[in-house]
Amino acid sequence: MRMGNGKHRFVFSEVFNNSDGKTSGSGFIGVIMGLVGCLAFIAAIVGYFLKLPETIPFMQQTIFFIGSATVLLGVRKFAGRSKDKTTSTEVEIDDTEKG
């Protein structure tokens, strides 16, 4: 289903793909870690309101976990760019003029 200005519907499977269309391992793990981290953070908030002990350190760890997921998703985007910028120099050797 095409919309105006070349936009298309959101497809959830595209979240895991690189810019070249291949499935990204870091993207897949990043999405899973992000979902698990969000659920853990919600559980920590519930624990905080119930005044459970050790809730604040758990919240700090879930924030670190969500940050790791964000880094994994960011690596997926920047890894494709760094591969495109690599250049190789070819040197042509002319063997016809040997002394």
PDB file of N, CA and C in Angstrom:
ATOM      1  N   MET A   1       0.844  -1.167   0.000  1.00  0.00           N
ATOM      2  CA  MET A   1       0.000   0.000   0.000  1.00  0.00           C
ATOM      3  C   MET A   1       0.890   1.231   0.000  1.00  0.00           C
ATOM      4  N   ARG A   2       0.876   1.984  -1.057  1.00  0.00           N
ATOM      5  CA  ARG A   2       1.713   3.164  -1.205  1.00  0.00           C
ATOM      6  C   ARG A   2       0.944   4.409  -0.760  1.00  0.00           C
ATOM      7  N   MET A   3       1.660   5.280  -0.061  1.00  0.00           N
ATOM      8  CA  MET A   3       1.086   6.557   0.327  1.00  0.00           C
ATOM      9  C   MET A   3       1.782   7.657  -0.461  1.00  0.00           C
ATOM     10  N   GLY A   4       1.375   8.871  -0.280  1.00  0.00           N
ATOM     11  CA  GLY A   4       1.964   9.992  -0.993  1.00  0.00           C
ATOM     12  C   GLY A   4       3.424  10.220  -0.626  1.00  0.00           C
ATOM     13  N   ASN A   5       4.166  10.839  -1.502  1.00  0.00           N
ATOM     14  CA  ASN A   5       5.563  11.221  -1.315  1.00  0.00           C
ATOM     15  C   ASN A   5       6.491  10.033  -1.113  1.00  0.00           C
ATOM     16  N   GLY A   6       6.182   8.885  -1.655  1.00  0.00           N
ATOM     17  CA  GLY A   6       7.077   7.727  -1.600  1.00  0.00           C
ATOM     18  C   GLY A   6       7.139   7.046  -0.241  1.00  0.00           C
ATOM     19  N   LYS A   7       6.252   7.362   0.671  1.00  0.00           N
ATOM     20  CA  LYS A   7       6.247   6.717   1.983  1.00  0.00           C
ATOM     21  C   LYS A   7       5.467   5.418   1.893  1.00  0.00           C
ATOM     22  N   HIS A   8       5.862   4.450   2.684  1.00  0.00           N
ATOM     23  CA  HIS A   8       5.135   3.179   2.700  1.00  0.00           C
ATOM     24  C   HIS A   8       4.792   2.818   4.135  1.00  0.00           C
ATOM     25  N   ARG A   9       3.991   1.781   4.275  1.00  0.00           N
ATOM     26  CA  ARG A   9       3.560   1.347   5.596  1.00  0.00           C
ATOM     27  C   ARG A   9       4.750   0.914   6.432  1.00  0.00           C
ATOM     28  N   PHE A  10       4.594   1.012   7.744  1.00  0.00           N
ATOM     29  CA  PHE A  10       5.607   0.526   8.665  1.00  0.00           C
ATOM     30  C   PHE A  10       5.535  -0.990   8.720  1.00  0.00           C
ATOM     31  N   VAL A  11       6.665  -1.633   8.506  1.00  0.00           N
ATOM     32  CA  VAL A  11       6.750  -3.088   8.587  1.00  0.00           C
ATOM     33  C   VAL A  11       7.696  -3.412   9.737  1.00  0.00           C
ATOM     34  N   PHE A  12       7.196  -4.158  10.730  1.00  0.00           N
ATOM     35  CA  PHE A  12       7.995  -4.414  11.931  1.00  0.00           C
ATOM     36  C   PHE A  12       9.291  -5.156  11.620  1.00  0.00           C
ATOM     37  N   SER A  13       9.292  -6.011  10.609  1.00  0.00           N
ATOM     38  CA  SER A  13      10.504  -6.772  10.293  1.00  0.00           C
ATOM     39  C   SER A  13      11.631  -5.882   9.785  1.00  0.00           C
ATOM     40  N   GLU A  14      11.301  -4.679   9.289  1.00  0.00           N
ATOM     41  CA  GLU A  14      12.331  -3.761   8.821  1.00  0.00           C
ATOM     42  C   GLU A  14      13.141  -3.158   9.960  1.00  0.00           C
ATOM     43  N   VAL A  15      12.646  -3.274  11.188  1.00  0.00           N
ATOM     44  CA  VAL A  15      13.380  -2.769  12.340  1.00  0.00           C
ATOM     45  C   VAL A  15      14.698  -3.519  12.489  1.00  0.00           C
ATOM     46  N   PHE A  16      14.722  -4.783  12.092  1.00  0.00           N
ATOM     47  CA  PHE A  16      15.903  -5.617  12.274  1.00  0.00           C
ATOM     48  C   PHE A  16      16.859  -5.564  11.091  1.00  0.00           C
ATOM     49  N   ASN A  17      16.531  -4.834  10.028  1.00  0.00           N
ATOM     50  CA  ASN A  17      17.345  -4.835   8.821  1.00  0.00           C
ATOM     51  C   ASN A  17      18.310  -3.661   8.781  1.00  0.00           C
ATOM     52  N   ASN A  18      19.470  -3.887   8.140  1.00  0.00           N
ATOM     53  CA  ASN A  18      20.422  -2.821   7.861  1.00  0.00           C
ATOM     54  C   ASN A  18      19.929  -2.017   6.682  1.00  0.00           C
ATOM     55  N   SER A  19      20.716  -1.015   6.299  1.00  0.00           N
ATOM     56  CA  SER A  19      20.340  -0.206   5.148  1.00  0.00           C
ATOM     57  C   SER A  19      20.417  -0.995   3.847  1.00  0.00           C
ATOM     58  N   ASP A  20      21.203  -2.080   3.832  1.00  0.00           N
ATOM     59  CA  ASP A  20      21.308  -2.900   2.625  1.00  0.00           C
ATOM     60  C   ASP A  20      20.273  -4.026   2.572  1.00  0.00           C
ATOM     61  N   GLY A  21      19.390  -4.112   3.565  1.00  0.00           N
ATOM     62  CA  GLY A  21      18.318  -5.095   3.552  1.00  0.00           C
ATOM     63  C   GLY A  21      18.613  -6.385   4.277  1.00  0.00           C
ATOM     64  N   LYS A  22      19.851  -6.565   4.755  1.00  0.00           N
ATOM     65  CA  LYS A  22      20.198  -7.787   5.475  1.00  0.00           C
ATOM     66  C   LYS A  22      19.773  -7.668   6.931  1.00  0.00           C
ATOM     67  N   THR A  23      19.466  -8.809   7.532  1.00  0.00           N
ATOM     68  CA  THR A  23      19.072  -8.822   8.937  1.00  0.00           C
ATOM     69  C   THR A  23      20.279  -8.524   9.803  1.00  0.00           C
ATOM     70  N   SER A  24      20.110  -7.606  10.736  1.00  0.00           N
ATOM     71  CA  SER A  24      21.188  -7.180  11.615  1.00  0.00           C
ATOM     72  C   SER A  24      21.070  -7.883  12.953  1.00  0.00           C
ATOM     73  N   GLY A  25      22.120  -8.563  13.361  1.00  0.00           N
ATOM     74  CA  GLY A  25      22.127  -9.234  14.662  1.00  0.00           C
ATOM     75  C   GLY A  25      22.079  -8.238  15.801  1.00  0.00           C
ATOM     76  N   SER A  26      22.843  -7.149  15.681  1.00  0.00           N
ATOM     77  CA  SER A  26      22.847  -6.150  16.751  1.00  0.00           C
ATOM     78  C   SER A  26      21.500  -5.434  16.823  1.00  0.00           C
ATOM     79  N   GLY A  27      20.834  -5.253  15.691  1.00  0.00           N
ATOM     80  CA  GLY A  27      19.512  -4.639  15.706  1.00  0.00           C
ATOM     81  C   GLY A  27      18.487  -5.527  16.384  1.00  0.00           C
ATOM     82  N   PHE A  28      18.534  -6.820  16.091  1.00  0.00           N
ATOM     83  CA  PHE A  28      17.605  -7.773  16.699  1.00  0.00           C
ATOM     84  C   PHE A  28      17.803  -7.833  18.209  1.00  0.00           C
ATOM     85  N   ILE A  29      19.066  -7.985  18.643  1.00  0.00           N
ATOM     86  CA  ILE A  29      19.354  -8.064  20.077  1.00  0.00           C
ATOM     87  C   ILE A  29      19.033  -6.731  20.747  1.00  0.00           C
ATOM     88  N   GLY A  30      19.288  -5.613  20.057  1.00  0.00           N
ATOM     89  CA  GLY A  30      18.984  -4.306  20.628  1.00  0.00           C
ATOM     90  C   GLY A  30      17.503  -4.113  20.882  1.00  0.00           C
ATOM     91  N   VAL A  31      16.673  -4.550  19.962  1.00  0.00           N
ATOM     92  CA  VAL A  31      15.218  -4.426  20.145  1.00  0.00           C
ATOM     93  C   VAL A  31      14.763  -5.314  21.295  1.00  0.00           C
ATOM     94  N   ILE A  32      15.256  -6.546  21.339  1.00  0.00           N
ATOM     95  CA  ILE A  32      14.870  -7.459  22.431  1.00  0.00           C
ATOM     96  C   ILE A  32      15.323  -6.902  23.779  1.00  0.00           C
ATOM     97  N   MET A  33      16.579  -6.413  23.847  1.00  0.00           N
ATOM     98  CA  MET A  33      17.081  -5.842  25.104  1.00  0.00           C
ATOM     99  C   MET A  33      16.282  -4.604  25.505  1.00  0.00           C
ATOM    100  N   GLY A  34      15.891  -3.803  24.534  1.00  0.00           N
ATOM    101  CA  GLY A  34      15.094  -2.621  24.842  1.00  0.00           C
ATOM    102  C   GLY A  34      13.739  -2.978  25.416  1.00  0.00           C
ATOM    103  N   LEU A  35      13.090  -3.977  24.830  1.00  0.00           N
ATOM    104  CA  LEU A  35      11.787  -4.415  25.347  1.00  0.00           C
ATOM    105  C   LEU A  35      11.906  -4.999  26.752  1.00  0.00           C
ATOM    106  N   VAL A  36      12.915  -5.839  26.965  1.00  0.00           N
ATOM    107  CA  VAL A  36      13.116  -6.434  28.290  1.00  0.00           C
ATOM    108  C   VAL A  36      13.467  -5.350  29.308  1.00  0.00           C
ATOM    109  N   GLY A  37      14.308  -4.395  28.895  1.00  0.00           N
ATOM    110  CA  GLY A  37      14.680  -3.307  29.794  1.00  0.00           C
ATOM    111  C   GLY A  37      13.496  -2.449  30.180  1.00  0.00           C
ATOM    112  N   CYS A  38      12.619  -2.163  29.239  1.00  0.00           N
ATOM    113  CA  CYS A  38      11.421  -1.371  29.546  1.00  0.00           C
ATOM    114  C   CYS A  38      10.498  -2.105  30.503  1.00  0.00           C
ATOM    115  N   LEU A  39      10.329  -3.404  30.287  1.00  0.00           N
ATOM    116  CA  LEU A  39       9.497  -4.193  31.207  1.00  0.00           C
ATOM    117  C   LEU A  39      10.110  -4.245  32.605  1.00  0.00           C
ATOM    118  N   ALA A  40      11.434  -4.370  32.679  1.00  0.00           N
ATOM    119  CA  ALA A  40      12.110  -4.388  33.978  1.00  0.00           C
ATOM    120  C   ALA A  40      11.992  -3.035  34.669  1.00  0.00           C
ATOM    121  N   PHE A  41      12.071  -1.958  33.903  1.00  0.00           N
ATOM    122  CA  PHE A  41      11.941  -0.635  34.501  1.00  0.00           C
ATOM    123  C   PHE A  41      10.531  -0.419  35.044  1.00  0.00           C
ATOM    124  N   ILE A  42       9.532  -0.890  34.316  1.00  0.00           N
ATOM    125  CA  ILE A  42       8.151  -0.791  34.807  1.00  0.00           C
ATOM    126  C   ILE A  42       7.986  -1.607  36.091  1.00  0.00           C
ATOM    127  N   ALA A  43       8.606  -2.783  36.128  1.00  0.00           N
ATOM    128  CA  ALA A  43       8.555  -3.599  37.348  1.00  0.00           C
ATOM    129  C   ALA A  43       9.256  -2.893  38.504  1.00  0.00           C
ATOM    130  N   ALA A  44      10.359  -2.193  38.217  1.00  0.00           N
ATOM    131  CA  ALA A  44      11.071  -1.459  39.265  1.00  0.00           C
ATOM    132  C   ALA A  44      10.231  -0.296  39.785  1.00  0.00           C
ATOM    133  N   ILE A  45       9.490   0.368  38.913  1.00  0.00           N
ATOM    134  CA  ILE A  45       8.617   1.461  39.353  1.00  0.00           C
ATOM    135  C   ILE A  45       7.518   0.926  40.271  1.00  0.00           C
ATOM    136  N   VAL A  46       6.952  -0.223  39.905  1.00  0.00           N
ATOM    137  CA  VAL A  46       5.933  -0.842  40.757  1.00  0.00           C
ATOM    138  C   VAL A  46       6.544  -1.208  42.111  1.00  0.00           C
ATOM    139  N   GLY A  47       7.750  -1.763  42.091  1.00  0.00           N
ATOM    140  CA  GLY A  47       8.435  -2.095  43.340  1.00  0.00           C
ATOM    141  C   GLY A  47       8.740  -0.868  44.183  1.00  0.00           C
ATOM    142  N   TYR A  48       9.060   0.245  43.521  1.00  0.00           N
ATOM    143  CA  TYR A  48       9.333   1.494  44.249  1.00  0.00           C
ATOM    144  C   TYR A  48       8.078   1.981  44.970  1.00  0.00           C
ATOM    145  N   PHE A  49       6.926   1.907  44.280  1.00  0.00           N
ATOM    146  CA  PHE A  49       5.686   2.348  44.911  1.00  0.00           C
ATOM    147  C   PHE A  49       5.243   1.398  46.015  1.00  0.00           C
ATOM    148  N   LEU A  50       5.643   0.140  45.922  1.00  0.00           N
ATOM    149  CA  LEU A  50       5.335  -0.819  46.984  1.00  0.00           C
ATOM    150  C   LEU A  50       6.371  -0.796  48.096  1.00  0.00           C
ATOM    151  N   LYS A  51       7.369   0.091  47.964  1.00  0.00           N
ATOM    152  CA  LYS A  51       8.443   0.283  48.947  1.00  0.00           C
ATOM    153  C   LYS A  51       9.241  -0.993  49.199  1.00  0.00           C
ATOM    154  N   LEU A  52       9.539  -1.704  48.113  1.00  0.00           N
ATOM    155  CA  LEU A  52      10.388  -2.887  48.220  1.00  0.00           C
ATOM    156  C   LEU A  52      11.853  -2.461  48.353  1.00  0.00           C
ATOM    157  N   PRO A  53      12.642  -3.208  49.134  1.00  0.00           N
ATOM    158  CA  PRO A  53      14.050  -2.833  49.276  1.00  0.00           C
ATOM    159  C   PRO A  53      14.832  -3.098  47.980  1.00  0.00           C
ATOM    160  N   GLU A  54      15.948  -2.405  47.831  1.00  0.00           N
ATOM    161  CA  GLU A  54      16.862  -2.567  46.688  1.00  0.00           C
ATOM    162  C   GLU A  54      16.222  -2.203  45.346  1.00  0.00           C
ATOM    163  N   THR A  55      15.232  -1.315  45.353  1.00  0.00           N
ATOM    164  CA  THR A  55      14.578  -0.934  44.106  1.00  0.00           C
ATOM    165  C   THR A  55      15.399   0.082  43.324  1.00  0.00           C
ATOM    166  N   ILE A  56      16.016   1.031  44.020  1.00  0.00           N
ATOM    167  CA  ILE A  56      16.788   2.080  43.348  1.00  0.00           C
ATOM    168  C   ILE A  56      18.000   1.495  42.613  1.00  0.00           C
ATOM    169  N   PRO A  57      18.800   0.598  43.209  1.00  0.00           N
ATOM    170  CA  PRO A  57      19.899  -0.003  42.432  1.00  0.00           C
ATOM    171  C   PRO A  57      19.400  -0.815  41.227  1.00  0.00           C
ATOM    172  N   PHE A  58      18.237  -1.446  41.380  1.00  0.00           N
ATOM    173  CA  PHE A  58      17.659  -2.182  40.259  1.00  0.00           C
ATOM    174  C   PHE A  58      17.266  -1.239  39.132  1.00  0.00           C
ATOM    175  N   MET A  59      16.721  -0.068  39.467  1.00  0.00           N
ATOM    176  CA  MET A  59      16.379   0.930  38.456  1.00  0.00           C
ATOM    177  C   MET A  59      17.634   1.406  37.733  1.00  0.00           C
ATOM    178  N   GLN A  60      18.719   1.596  38.482  1.00  0.00           N
ATOM    179  CA  GLN A  60      19.972   2.027  37.860  1.00  0.00           C
ATOM    180  C   GLN A  60      20.482   0.979  36.875  1.00  0.00           C
ATOM    181  N   GLN A  61      20.365  -0.275  37.236  1.00  0.00           N
ATOM    182  CA  GLN A  61      20.808  -1.344  36.343  1.00  0.00           C
ATOM    183  C   GLN A  61      19.932  -1.452  35.102  1.00  0.00           C
ATOM    184  N   THR A  62      18.635  -1.220  35.259  1.00  0.00           N
ATOM    185  CA  THR A  62      17.766  -1.273  34.077  1.00  0.00           C
ATOM    186  C   THR A  62      18.031  -0.101  33.141  1.00  0.00           C
ATOM    187  N   ILE A  63      18.378   1.055  33.689  1.00  0.00           N
ATOM    188  CA  ILE A  63      18.740   2.188  32.838  1.00  0.00           C
ATOM    189  C   ILE A  63      20.013   1.868  32.063  1.00  0.00           C
ATOM    190  N   PHE A  64      20.979   1.232  32.715  1.00  0.00           N
ATOM    191  CA  PHE A  64      22.199   0.801  32.029  1.00  0.00           C
ATOM    192  C   PHE A  64      21.865  -0.233  30.938  1.00  0.00           C
ATOM    193  N   PHE A  65      20.957  -1.129  31.226  1.00  0.00           N
ATOM    194  CA  PHE A  65      20.538  -2.161  30.271  1.00  0.00           C
ATOM    195  C   PHE A  65      19.867  -1.538  29.047  1.00  0.00           C
ATOM    196  N   ILE A  66      19.010  -0.563  29.272  1.00  0.00           N
ATOM    197  CA  ILE A  66      18.352   0.128  28.163  1.00  0.00           C
ATOM    198  C   ILE A  66      19.369   0.927  27.363  1.00  0.00           C
ATOM    199  N   GLY A  67      20.355   1.508  28.041  1.00  0.00           N
ATOM    200  CA  GLY A  67      21.429   2.219  27.345  1.00  0.00           C
ATOM    201  C   GLY A  67      22.237   1.295  26.452  1.00  0.00           C
ATOM    202  N   SER A  68      22.488   0.079  26.918  1.00  0.00           N
ATOM    203  CA  SER A  68      23.202  -0.911  26.096  1.00  0.00           C
ATOM    204  C   SER A  68      22.397  -1.270  24.858  1.00  0.00           C
ATOM    205  N   ALA A  69      21.102  -1.382  25.009  1.00  0.00           N
ATOM    206  CA  ALA A  69      20.243  -1.669  23.858  1.00  0.00           C
ATOM    207  C   ALA A  69      20.295  -0.530  22.855  1.00  0.00           C
ATOM    208  N   THR A  70      20.330   0.700  23.358  1.00  0.00           N
ATOM    209  CA  THR A  70      20.412   1.859  22.477  1.00  0.00           C
ATOM    210  C   THR A  70      21.722   1.875  21.713  1.00  0.00           C
ATOM    211  N   VAL A  71      22.806   1.512  22.383  1.00  0.00           N
ATOM    212  CA  VAL A  71      24.113   1.443  21.717  1.00  0.00           C
ATOM    213  C   VAL A  71      24.091   0.383  20.620  1.00  0.00           C
ATOM    214  N   LEU A  72      23.502  -0.773  20.894  1.00  0.00           N
ATOM    215  CA  LEU A  72      23.431  -1.822  19.879  1.00  0.00           C
ATOM    216  C   LEU A  72      22.623  -1.368  18.660  1.00  0.00           C
ATOM    217  N   LEU A  73      21.546  -0.656  18.892  1.00  0.00           N
ATOM    218  CA  LEU A  73      20.764  -0.150  17.764  1.00  0.00           C
ATOM    219  C   LEU A  73      21.533   0.928  17.005  1.00  0.00           C
ATOM    220  N   GLY A  74      22.311   1.727  17.715  1.00  0.00           N
ATOM    221  CA  GLY A  74      23.118   2.751  17.061  1.00  0.00           C
ATOM    222  C   GLY A  74      24.253   2.164  16.250  1.00  0.00           C
ATOM    223  N   VAL A  75      24.865   1.098  16.752  1.00  0.00           N
ATOM    224  CA  VAL A  75      25.954   0.433  16.028  1.00  0.00           C
ATOM    225  C   VAL A  75      25.453  -0.084  14.695  1.00  0.00           C
ATOM    226  N   ARG A  76      24.237  -0.557  14.673  1.00  0.00           N
ATOM    227  CA  ARG A  76      23.664  -1.080  13.430  1.00  0.00           C
ATOM    228  C   ARG A  76      23.596   0.014  12.370  1.00  0.00           C
ATOM    229  N   LYS A  77      23.252   1.220  12.776  1.00  0.00           N
ATOM    230  CA  LYS A  77      23.127   2.312  11.813  1.00  0.00           C
ATOM    231  C   LYS A  77      24.487   2.809  11.339  1.00  0.00           C
ATOM    232  N   PHE A  78      25.460   2.904  12.265  1.00  0.00           N
ATOM    233  CA  PHE A  78      26.759   3.457  11.899  1.00  0.00           C
ATOM    234  C   PHE A  78      27.679   2.434  11.252  1.00  0.00           C
ATOM    235  N   ALA A  79      27.455   1.145  11.465  1.00  0.00           N
ATOM    236  CA  ALA A  79      28.307   0.116  10.875  1.00  0.00           C
ATOM    237  C   ALA A  79      28.175   0.111   9.361  1.00  0.00           C
ATOM    238  N   GLY A  80      26.999   0.328   8.839  1.00  0.00           N
ATOM    239  CA  GLY A  80      26.803   0.366   7.395  1.00  0.00           C
ATOM    240  C   GLY A  80      27.485   1.564   6.764  1.00  0.00           C
ATOM    241  N   ARG A  81      27.517   2.677   7.470  1.00  0.00           N
ATOM    242  CA  ARG A  81      28.154   3.878   6.933  1.00  0.00           C
ATOM    243  C   ARG A  81      29.659   3.739   6.869  1.00  0.00           C
ATOM    244  N   SER A  82      30.265   3.113   7.877  1.00  0.00           N
ATOM    245  CA  SER A  82      31.721   3.002   7.877  1.00  0.00           C
ATOM    246  C   SER A  82      32.202   2.038   6.799  1.00  0.00           C
ATOM    247  N   LYS A  83      31.403   1.029   6.474  1.00  0.00           N
ATOM    248  CA  LYS A  83      31.780   0.106   5.406  1.00  0.00           C
ATOM    249  C   LYS A  83      31.717   0.787   4.049  1.00  0.00           C
ATOM    250  N   ASP A  84      30.773   1.715   3.878  1.00  0.00           N
ATOM    251  CA  ASP A  84      30.637   2.414   2.606  1.00  0.00           C
ATOM    252  C   ASP A  84      31.772   3.395   2.369  1.00  0.00           C
ATOM    253  N   LYS A  85      32.374   3.920   3.438  1.00  0.00           N
ATOM    254  CA  LYS A  85      33.418   4.924   3.293  1.00  0.00           C
ATOM    255  C   LYS A  85      34.806   4.330   3.072  1.00  0.00           C
ATOM    256  N   THR A  86      34.950   3.040   3.212  1.00  0.00           N
ATOM    257  CA  THR A  86      36.269   2.448   3.007  1.00  0.00           C
ATOM    258  C   THR A  86      36.615   2.502   1.529  1.00  0.00           C
ATOM    259  N   THR A  87      37.827   2.852   1.275  1.00  0.00           N
ATOM    260  CA  THR A  87      38.286   2.936  -0.110  1.00  0.00           C
ATOM    261  C   THR A  87      39.532   2.105  -0.262  1.00  0.00           C
ATOM    262  N   SER A  88      39.723   1.610  -1.435  1.00  0.00           N
ATOM    263  CA  SER A  88      40.940   0.866  -1.725  1.00  0.00           C
ATOM    264  C   SER A  88      41.607   1.519  -2.923  1.00  0.00           C
ATOM    265  N   THR A  89      42.903   1.540  -2.885  1.00  0.00           N
ATOM    266  CA  THR A  89      43.667   2.143  -3.969  1.00  0.00           C
ATOM    267  C   THR A  89      44.301   1.030  -4.775  1.00  0.00           C
ATOM    268  N   GLU A  90      44.057   1.052  -6.057  1.00  0.00           N
ATOM    269  CA  GLU A  90      44.649   0.055  -6.933  1.00  0.00           C
ATOM    270  C   GLU A  90      45.821   0.692  -7.659  1.00  0.00           C
ATOM    271  N   VAL A  91      46.919  -0.031  -7.691  1.00  0.00           N
ATOM    272  CA  VAL A  91      48.110   0.452  -8.365  1.00  0.00           C
ATOM    273  C   VAL A  91      48.337  -0.435  -9.577  1.00  0.00           C
ATOM    274  N   GLU A  92      48.465   0.181 -10.708  1.00  0.00           N
ATOM    275  CA  GLU A  92      48.701  -0.564 -11.933  1.00  0.00           C
ATOM    276  C   GLU A  92      50.197  -0.528 -12.235  1.00  0.00           C
ATOM    277  N   ILE A  93      50.769  -1.697 -12.416  1.00  0.00           N
ATOM    278  CA  ILE A  93      52.201  -1.803 -12.702  1.00  0.00           C
ATOM    279  C   ILE A  93      52.366  -2.126 -14.174  1.00  0.00           C
ATOM    280  N   ASP A  94      53.161  -1.327 -14.834  1.00  0.00           N
ATOM    281  CA  ASP A  94      53.416  -1.518 -16.249  1.00  0.00           C
ATOM    282  C   ASP A  94      54.705  -2.325 -16.424  1.00  0.00           C
ATOM    283  N   ASP A  95      54.605  -3.555 -16.876  1.00  0.00           N
ATOM    284  CA  ASP A  95      55.778  -4.422 -17.047  1.00  0.00           C
ATOM    285  C   ASP A  95      56.394  -4.328 -18.429  1.00  0.00           C
ATOM    286  N   THR A  96      55.902  -3.491 -19.290  1.00  0.00           N
ATOM    287  CA  THR A  96      56.407  -3.446 -20.670  1.00  0.00           C
ATOM    288  C   THR A  96      57.765  -2.763 -20.769  1.00  0.00           C
ATOM    289  N   GLU A  97      58.074  -1.873 -19.851  1.00  0.00           N
ATOM    290  CA  GLU A  97      59.351  -1.150 -19.935  1.00  0.00           C
ATOM    291  C   GLU A  97      60.357  -1.712 -18.939  1.00  0.00           C
ATOM    292  N   LYS A  98      60.836  -2.902 -19.176  1.00  0.00           N
ATOM    293  CA  LYS A  98      61.872  -3.477 -18.322  1.00  0.00           C
ATOM    294  C   LYS A  98      63.227  -3.117 -18.925  1.00  0.00           C
ATOM    295  N   GLY A  99      64.112  -2.527 -18.135  1.00  0.00           N
ATOM    296  CA  GLY A  99      65.427  -2.026 -18.499  1.00  0.00           C
ATOM    297  C   GLY A  99      66.218  -2.813 -19.351  1.00  0.00           C
TER     298      GLY A  99
END
